[in-house]
Amino acid sequence: MNRTATARFTEPYLEPRQTHPDPLTPYEDKLAGSLMEIFGTGTHDLPGVVEGLNGLGLHGPDGRPWTEDTFRAEMRRLGR
């Protein structure tokens, strides 16, 4: 099996539903960058991610501070 085919089967993060068919919107790009910044600090738990987003001043889609519920709902919406 060639290297590409092997990587396809061993890489745990490459799932078809994780691809994004369209270019990111400015909102999605800012959210993705903010999440990468938060994860880069070693924070990986939901309360920490929500706190990190609010600490960066990035509001939820409704214009209010993030909550665990709004974060879950937004990830579900964006994952469709």
PDB file of N, CA and C in Angstrom:
ATOM      1  N   MET A   1       0.845  -1.174   0.000  1.00  0.00           N
ATOM      2  CA  MET A   1       0.000   0.000   0.000  1.00  0.00           C
ATOM      3  C   MET A   1       0.889   1.234   0.000  1.00  0.00           C
ATOM      4  N   ASN A   2       0.545   2.224  -0.797  1.00  0.00           N
ATOM      5  CA  ASN A   2       1.381   3.423  -0.851  1.00  0.00           C
ATOM      6  C   ASN A   2       1.164   4.281   0.395  1.00  0.00           C
ATOM      7  N   ARG A   3       2.048   5.260   0.580  1.00  0.00           N
ATOM      8  CA  ARG A   3       2.028   6.107   1.778  1.00  0.00           C
ATOM      9  C   ARG A   3       0.701   6.856   1.933  1.00  0.00           C
ATOM     10  N   THR A   4       0.157   7.371   0.854  1.00  0.00           N
ATOM     11  CA  THR A   4      -1.096   8.119   0.917  1.00  0.00           C
ATOM     12  C   THR A   4      -2.239   7.221   1.373  1.00  0.00           C
ATOM     13  N   ALA A   5      -2.324   6.050   0.808  1.00  0.00           N
ATOM     14  CA  ALA A   5      -3.390   5.127   1.193  1.00  0.00           C
ATOM     15  C   ALA A   5      -3.240   4.714   2.650  1.00  0.00           C
ATOM     16  N   THR A   6      -2.008   4.477   3.092  1.00  0.00           N
ATOM     17  CA  THR A   6      -1.768   4.116   4.484  1.00  0.00           C
ATOM     18  C   THR A   6      -2.191   5.246   5.404  1.00  0.00           C
ATOM     19  N   ALA A   7      -1.835   6.475   5.068  1.00  0.00           N
ATOM     20  CA  ALA A   7      -2.196   7.625   5.897  1.00  0.00           C
ATOM     21  C   ALA A   7      -3.709   7.766   5.981  1.00  0.00           C
ATOM     22  N   ARG A   8      -4.374   7.469   4.903  1.00  0.00           N
ATOM     23  CA  ARG A   8      -5.831   7.599   4.893  1.00  0.00           C
ATOM     24  C   ARG A   8      -6.470   6.679   5.930  1.00  0.00           C
ATOM     25  N   PHE A   9      -5.899   5.505   6.123  1.00  0.00           N
ATOM     26  CA  PHE A   9      -6.486   4.552   7.054  1.00  0.00           C
ATOM     27  C   PHE A   9      -6.021   4.746   8.489  1.00  0.00           C
ATOM     28  N   THR A  10      -4.904   5.399   8.698  1.00  0.00           N
ATOM     29  CA  THR A  10      -4.386   5.552  10.056  1.00  0.00           C
ATOM     30  C   THR A  10      -4.649   6.923  10.650  1.00  0.00           C
ATOM     31  N   GLU A  11      -5.006   7.892   9.848  1.00  0.00           N
ATOM     32  CA  GLU A  11      -5.237   9.249  10.342  1.00  0.00           C
ATOM     33  C   GLU A  11      -6.614   9.316  11.003  1.00  0.00           C
ATOM     34  N   PRO A  12      -6.674   9.569  12.320  1.00  0.00           N
ATOM     35  CA  PRO A  12      -7.961   9.533  13.016  1.00  0.00           C
ATOM     36  C   PRO A  12      -8.859  10.736  12.764  1.00  0.00           C
ATOM     37  N   TYR A  13      -8.351  11.788  12.145  1.00  0.00           N
ATOM     38  CA  TYR A  13      -9.128  13.014  12.018  1.00  0.00           C
ATOM     39  C   TYR A  13      -9.690  13.259  10.624  1.00  0.00           C
ATOM     40  N   LEU A  14      -9.436  12.376   9.702  1.00  0.00           N
ATOM     41  CA  LEU A  14      -9.921  12.592   8.338  1.00  0.00           C
ATOM     42  C   LEU A  14     -11.215  11.822   8.120  1.00  0.00           C
ATOM     43  N   GLU A  15     -12.313  12.483   8.346  1.00  0.00           N
ATOM     44  CA  GLU A  15     -13.617  11.890   8.116  1.00  0.00           C
ATOM     45  C   GLU A  15     -14.341  12.742   7.081  1.00  0.00           C
ATOM     46  N   PRO A  16     -15.084  12.132   6.166  1.00  0.00           N
ATOM     47  CA  PRO A  16     -15.744  12.904   5.108  1.00  0.00           C
ATOM     48  C   PRO A  16     -16.589  14.055   5.630  1.00  0.00           C
ATOM     49  N   ARG A  17     -17.273  13.892   6.747  1.00  0.00           N
ATOM     50  CA  ARG A  17     -18.137  14.969   7.231  1.00  0.00           C
ATOM     51  C   ARG A  17     -17.352  16.122   7.836  1.00  0.00           C
ATOM     52  N   GLN A  18     -16.028  15.976   7.953  1.00  0.00           N
ATOM     53  CA  GLN A  18     -15.215  17.059   8.481  1.00  0.00           C
ATOM     54  C   GLN A  18     -14.737  18.010   7.392  1.00  0.00           C
ATOM     55  N   THR A  19     -14.991  17.695   6.168  1.00  0.00           N
ATOM     56  CA  THR A  19     -14.569  18.585   5.091  1.00  0.00           C
ATOM     57  C   THR A  19     -15.582  19.704   4.927  1.00  0.00           C
ATOM     58  N   HIS A  20     -15.135  20.816   4.423  1.00  0.00           N
ATOM     59  CA  HIS A  20     -16.005  21.982   4.247  1.00  0.00           C
ATOM     60  C   HIS A  20     -16.023  22.299   2.760  1.00  0.00           C
ATOM     61  N   PRO A  21     -17.162  22.087   2.093  1.00  0.00           N
ATOM     62  CA  PRO A  21     -17.197  22.227   0.635  1.00  0.00           C
ATOM     63  C   PRO A  21     -17.056  23.662   0.131  1.00  0.00           C
ATOM     64  N   ASP A  22     -17.414  24.638   0.941  1.00  0.00           N
ATOM     65  CA  ASP A  22     -17.377  26.039   0.518  1.00  0.00           C
ATOM     66  C   ASP A  22     -16.300  26.787   1.288  1.00  0.00           C
ATOM     67  N   PRO A  23     -15.862  27.919   0.770  1.00  0.00           N
ATOM     68  CA  PRO A  23     -14.908  28.734   1.532  1.00  0.00           C
ATOM     69  C   PRO A  23     -15.541  29.160   2.861  1.00  0.00           C
ATOM     70  N   LEU A  24     -14.702  29.302   3.873  1.00  0.00           N
ATOM     71  CA  LEU A  24     -15.195  29.744   5.178  1.00  0.00           C
ATOM     72  C   LEU A  24     -15.688  31.180   5.100  1.00  0.00           C
ATOM     73  N   THR A  25     -16.742  31.463   5.831  1.00  0.00           N
ATOM     74  CA  THR A  25     -17.204  32.843   5.956  1.00  0.00           C
ATOM     75  C   THR A  25     -16.254  33.561   6.911  1.00  0.00           C
ATOM     76  N   PRO A  26     -16.252  34.882   6.932  1.00  0.00           N
ATOM     77  CA  PRO A  26     -15.408  35.595   7.899  1.00  0.00           C
ATOM     78  C   PRO A  26     -15.692  35.158   9.342  1.00  0.00           C
ATOM     79  N   TYR A  27     -16.951  34.933   9.675  1.00  0.00           N
ATOM     80  CA  TYR A  27     -17.319  34.460  11.017  1.00  0.00           C
ATOM     81  C   TYR A  27     -16.700  33.093  11.295  1.00  0.00           C
ATOM     82  N   GLU A  28     -16.845  32.154  10.351  1.00  0.00           N
ATOM     83  CA  GLU A  28     -16.291  30.816  10.532  1.00  0.00           C
ATOM     84  C   GLU A  28     -14.776  30.859  10.644  1.00  0.00           C
ATOM     85  N   ASP A  29     -14.146  31.712   9.851  1.00  0.00           N
ATOM     86  CA  ASP A  29     -12.696  31.851   9.889  1.00  0.00           C
ATOM     87  C   ASP A  29     -12.238  32.385  11.247  1.00  0.00           C
ATOM     88  N   LYS A  30     -12.933  33.386  11.763  1.00  0.00           N
ATOM     89  CA  LYS A  30     -12.576  33.951  13.066  1.00  0.00           C
ATOM     90  C   LYS A  30     -12.817  32.932  14.177  1.00  0.00           C
ATOM     91  N   LEU A  31     -13.915  32.201  14.105  1.00  0.00           N
ATOM     92  CA  LEU A  31     -14.203  31.173  15.100  1.00  0.00           C
ATOM     93  C   LEU A  31     -13.140  30.078  15.061  1.00  0.00           C
ATOM     94  N   ALA A  32     -12.779  29.624  13.867  1.00  0.00           N
ATOM     95  CA  ALA A  32     -11.756  28.586  13.733  1.00  0.00           C
ATOM     96  C   ALA A  32     -10.420  29.063  14.289  1.00  0.00           C
ATOM     97  N   GLY A  33     -10.031  30.284  13.965  1.00  0.00           N
ATOM     98  CA  GLY A  33      -8.780  30.829  14.485  1.00  0.00           C
ATOM     99  C   GLY A  33      -8.799  30.951  15.993  1.00  0.00           C
ATOM    100  N   SER A  34      -9.922  31.369  16.534  1.00  0.00           N
ATOM    101  CA  SER A  34     -10.055  31.495  17.987  1.00  0.00           C
ATOM    102  C   SER A  34      -9.963  30.129  18.656  1.00  0.00           C
ATOM    103  N   LEU A  35     -10.607  29.130  18.075  1.00  0.00           N
ATOM    104  CA  LEU A  35     -10.534  27.783  18.639  1.00  0.00           C
ATOM    105  C   LEU A  35      -9.115  27.237  18.581  1.00  0.00           C
ATOM    106  N   MET A  36      -8.414  27.485  17.491  1.00  0.00           N
ATOM    107  CA  MET A  36      -7.024  27.030  17.395  1.00  0.00           C
ATOM    108  C   MET A  36      -6.168  27.706  18.462  1.00  0.00           C
ATOM    109  N   GLU A  37      -6.408  28.989  18.690  1.00  0.00           N
ATOM    110  CA  GLU A  37      -5.666  29.716  19.724  1.00  0.00           C
ATOM    111  C   GLU A  37      -5.949  29.115  21.102  1.00  0.00           C
ATOM    112  N   ILE A  38      -7.196  28.822  21.380  1.00  0.00           N
ATOM    113  CA  ILE A  38      -7.574  28.242  22.670  1.00  0.00           C
ATOM    114  C   ILE A  38      -6.976  26.851  22.826  1.00  0.00           C
ATOM    115  N   PHE A  39      -7.116  26.003  21.812  1.00  0.00           N
ATOM    116  CA  PHE A  39      -6.550  24.657  21.881  1.00  0.00           C
ATOM    117  C   PHE A  39      -5.032  24.713  22.030  1.00  0.00           C
ATOM    118  N   GLY A  40      -4.411  25.716  21.434  1.00  0.00           N
ATOM    119  CA  GLY A  40      -2.963  25.883  21.526  1.00  0.00           C
ATOM    120  C   GLY A  40      -2.476  26.156  22.939  1.00  0.00           C
ATOM    121  N   THR A  41      -3.360  26.616  23.806  1.00  0.00           N
ATOM    122  CA  THR A  41      -2.984  26.849  25.206  1.00  0.00           C
ATOM    123  C   THR A  41      -3.080  25.579  26.033  1.00  0.00           C
ATOM    124  N   GLY A  42      -3.564  24.505  25.414  1.00  0.00           N
ATOM    125  CA  GLY A  42      -3.736  23.249  26.135  1.00  0.00           C
ATOM    126  C   GLY A  42      -5.140  23.051  26.673  1.00  0.00           C
ATOM    127  N   THR A  43      -6.014  23.977  26.390  1.00  0.00           N
ATOM    128  CA  THR A  43      -7.406  23.868  26.831  1.00  0.00           C
ATOM    129  C   THR A  43      -8.173  23.007  25.842  1.00  0.00           C
ATOM    130  N   HIS A  44      -8.826  21.960  26.362  1.00  0.00           N
ATOM    131  CA  HIS A  44      -9.574  21.066  25.481  1.00  0.00           C
ATOM    132  C   HIS A  44     -10.945  20.702  26.038  1.00  0.00           C
ATOM    133  N   ASP A  45     -11.268  21.166  27.246  1.00  0.00           N
ATOM    134  CA  ASP A  45     -12.566  20.844  27.826  1.00  0.00           C
ATOM    135  C   ASP A  45     -13.581  21.918  27.448  1.00  0.00           C
ATOM    136  N   LEU A  46     -14.843  21.533  27.392  1.00  0.00           N
ATOM    137  CA  LEU A  46     -15.887  22.447  26.935  1.00  0.00           C
ATOM    138  C   LEU A  46     -15.982  23.716  27.779  1.00  0.00           C
ATOM    139  N   PRO A  47     -15.994  23.627  29.108  1.00  0.00           N
ATOM    140  CA  PRO A  47     -16.047  24.873  29.886  1.00  0.00           C
ATOM    141  C   PRO A  47     -14.863  25.792  29.596  1.00  0.00           C
ATOM    142  N   GLY A  48     -13.686  25.221  29.414  1.00  0.00           N
ATOM    143  CA  GLY A  48     -12.506  26.022  29.107  1.00  0.00           C
ATOM    144  C   GLY A  48     -12.577  26.669  27.735  1.00  0.00           C
ATOM    145  N   VAL A  49     -13.115  25.937  26.759  1.00  0.00           N
ATOM    146  CA  VAL A  49     -13.259  26.484  25.407  1.00  0.00           C
ATOM    147  C   VAL A  49     -14.244  27.648  25.417  1.00  0.00           C
ATOM    148  N   VAL A  50     -15.363  27.468  26.103  1.00  0.00           N
ATOM    149  CA  VAL A  50     -16.369  28.536  26.197  1.00  0.00           C
ATOM    150  C   VAL A  50     -15.774  29.755  26.892  1.00  0.00           C
ATOM    151  N   GLU A  51     -15.065  29.523  27.984  1.00  0.00           N
ATOM    152  CA  GLU A  51     -14.410  30.625  28.700  1.00  0.00           C
ATOM    153  C   GLU A  51     -13.384  31.316  27.805  1.00  0.00           C
ATOM    154  N   GLY A  52     -12.645  30.526  27.034  1.00  0.00           N
ATOM    155  CA  GLY A  52     -11.649  31.086  26.126  1.00  0.00           C
ATOM    156  C   GLY A  52     -12.268  31.955  25.044  1.00  0.00           C
ATOM    157  N   LEU A  53     -13.351  31.496  24.450  1.00  0.00           N
ATOM    158  CA  LEU A  53     -14.030  32.290  23.417  1.00  0.00           C
ATOM    159  C   LEU A  53     -14.527  33.609  23.993  1.00  0.00           C
ATOM    160  N   ASN A  54     -15.134  33.528  25.172  1.00  0.00           N
ATOM    161  CA  ASN A  54     -15.619  34.752  25.808  1.00  0.00           C
ATOM    162  C   ASN A  54     -14.464  35.662  26.199  1.00  0.00           C
ATOM    163  N   GLY A  55     -13.357  35.078  26.640  1.00  0.00           N
ATOM    164  CA  GLY A  55     -12.180  35.860  27.010  1.00  0.00           C
ATOM    165  C   GLY A  55     -11.544  36.573  25.828  1.00  0.00           C
ATOM    166  N   LEU A  56     -11.673  35.988  24.651  1.00  0.00           N
ATOM    167  CA  LEU A  56     -11.146  36.612  23.434  1.00  0.00           C
ATOM    168  C   LEU A  56     -12.103  37.665  22.878  1.00  0.00           C
ATOM    169  N   GLY A  57     -13.274  37.764  23.476  1.00  0.00           N
ATOM    170  CA  GLY A  57     -14.248  38.755  23.015  1.00  0.00           C
ATOM    171  C   GLY A  57     -15.040  38.326  21.798  1.00  0.00           C
ATOM    172  N   LEU A  58     -14.986  37.036  21.469  1.00  0.00           N
ATOM    173  CA  LEU A  58     -15.756  36.533  20.332  1.00  0.00           C
ATOM    174  C   LEU A  58     -17.126  36.113  20.834  1.00  0.00           C
ATOM    175  N   HIS A  59     -18.147  36.794  20.410  1.00  0.00           N
ATOM    176  CA  HIS A  59     -19.500  36.493  20.860  1.00  0.00           C
ATOM    177  C   HIS A  59     -20.092  35.336  20.077  1.00  0.00           C
ATOM    178  N   GLY A  60     -21.095  34.727  20.667  1.00  0.00           N
ATOM    179  CA  GLY A  60     -21.817  33.649  20.015  1.00  0.00           C
ATOM    180  C   GLY A  60     -22.614  34.171  18.835  1.00  0.00           C
ATOM    181  N   PRO A  61     -23.233  33.273  18.089  1.00  0.00           N
ATOM    182  CA  PRO A  61     -23.967  33.677  16.889  1.00  0.00           C
ATOM    183  C   PRO A  61     -25.149  34.601  17.178  1.00  0.00           C
ATOM    184  N   ASP A  62     -25.623  34.601  18.410  1.00  0.00           N
ATOM    185  CA  ASP A  62     -26.735  35.482  18.774  1.00  0.00           C
ATOM    186  C   ASP A  62     -26.253  36.825  19.318  1.00  0.00           C
ATOM    187  N   GLY A  63     -24.929  37.037  19.302  1.00  0.00           N
ATOM    188  CA  GLY A  63     -24.363  38.303  19.770  1.00  0.00           C
ATOM    189  C   GLY A  63     -24.108  38.356  21.263  1.00  0.00           C
ATOM    190  N   ARG A  64     -24.440  37.287  21.955  1.00  0.00           N
ATOM    191  CA  ARG A  64     -24.237  37.223  23.407  1.00  0.00           C
ATOM    192  C   ARG A  64     -23.017  36.367  23.726  1.00  0.00           C
ATOM    193  N   PRO A  65     -22.548  36.415  24.971  1.00  0.00           N
ATOM    194  CA  PRO A  65     -21.440  35.534  25.353  1.00  0.00           C
ATOM    195  C   PRO A  65     -21.817  34.064  25.138  1.00  0.00           C
ATOM    196  N   TRP A  66     -20.793  33.270  24.849  1.00  0.00           N
ATOM    197  CA  TRP A  66     -20.989  31.841  24.636  1.00  0.00           C
ATOM    198  C   TRP A  66     -21.410  31.162  25.928  1.00  0.00           C
ATOM    199  N   THR A  67     -22.224  30.123  25.786  1.00  0.00           N
ATOM    200  CA  THR A  67     -22.512  29.185  26.860  1.00  0.00           C
ATOM    201  C   THR A  67     -22.185  27.805  26.304  1.00  0.00           C
ATOM    202  N   GLU A  68     -22.148  26.809  27.162  1.00  0.00           N
ATOM    203  CA  GLU A  68     -21.908  25.456  26.659  1.00  0.00           C
ATOM    204  C   GLU A  68     -23.010  25.046  25.678  1.00  0.00           C
ATOM    205  N   ASP A  69     -24.239  25.420  25.976  1.00  0.00           N
ATOM    206  CA  ASP A  69     -25.354  25.064  25.085  1.00  0.00           C
ATOM    207  C   ASP A  69     -25.244  25.750  23.724  1.00  0.00           C
ATOM    208  N   THR A  70     -24.910  27.052  23.717  1.00  0.00           N
ATOM    209  CA  THR A  70     -24.806  27.733  22.418  1.00  0.00           C
ATOM    210  C   THR A  70     -23.620  27.207  21.624  1.00  0.00           C
ATOM    211  N   PHE A  71     -22.531  26.837  22.313  1.00  0.00           N
ATOM    212  CA  PHE A  71     -21.378  26.281  21.605  1.00  0.00           C
ATOM    213  C   PHE A  71     -21.749  24.942  20.966  1.00  0.00           C
ATOM    214  N   ARG A  72     -22.387  24.067  21.736  1.00  0.00           N
ATOM    215  CA  ARG A  72     -22.802  22.772  21.176  1.00  0.00           C
ATOM    216  C   ARG A  72     -23.725  22.959  19.970  1.00  0.00           C
ATOM    217  N   ALA A  73     -24.696  23.846  20.114  1.00  0.00           N
ATOM    218  CA  ALA A  73     -25.652  24.079  19.022  1.00  0.00           C
ATOM    219  C   ALA A  73     -24.947  24.619  17.779  1.00  0.00           C
ATOM    220  N   GLU A  74     -24.000  25.520  17.971  1.00  0.00           N
ATOM    221  CA  GLU A  74     -23.297  26.098  16.818  1.00  0.00           C
ATOM    222  C   GLU A  74     -22.395  25.068  16.145  1.00  0.00           C
ATOM    223  N   MET A  75     -21.723  24.223  16.923  1.00  0.00           N
ATOM    224  CA  MET A  75     -20.891  23.175  16.328  1.00  0.00           C
ATOM    225  C   MET A  75     -21.767  22.189  15.561  1.00  0.00           C
ATOM    226  N   ARG A  76     -22.927  21.890  16.097  1.00  0.00           N
ATOM    227  CA  ARG A  76     -23.865  21.001  15.400  1.00  0.00           C
ATOM    228  C   ARG A  76     -24.310  21.637  14.082  1.00  0.00           C
ATOM    229  N   ARG A  77     -24.655  22.922  14.131  1.00  0.00           N
ATOM    230  CA  ARG A  77     -25.107  23.625  12.920  1.00  0.00           C
ATOM    231  C   ARG A  77     -24.000  23.679  11.872  1.00  0.00           C
ATOM    232  N   LEU A  78     -22.794  24.020  12.299  1.00  0.00           N
ATOM    233  CA  LEU A  78     -21.682  24.143  11.353  1.00  0.00           C
ATOM    234  C   LEU A  78     -21.232  22.788  10.816  1.00  0.00           C
ATOM    235  N   GLY A  79     -21.501  21.726  11.563  1.00  0.00           N
ATOM    236  CA  GLY A  79     -21.089  20.391  11.151  1.00  0.00           C
ATOM    237  C   GLY A  79     -22.015  19.727  10.154  1.00  0.00           C
ATOM    238  N   ARG A  80     -23.081  20.400   9.797  1.00  0.00           N
ATOM    239  CA  ARG A  80     -24.031  19.800   8.837  1.00  0.00           C
ATOM    240  C   ARG A  80     -23.569  19.972   7.431  1.00  0.00           C
TER     241      ARG A  80
END
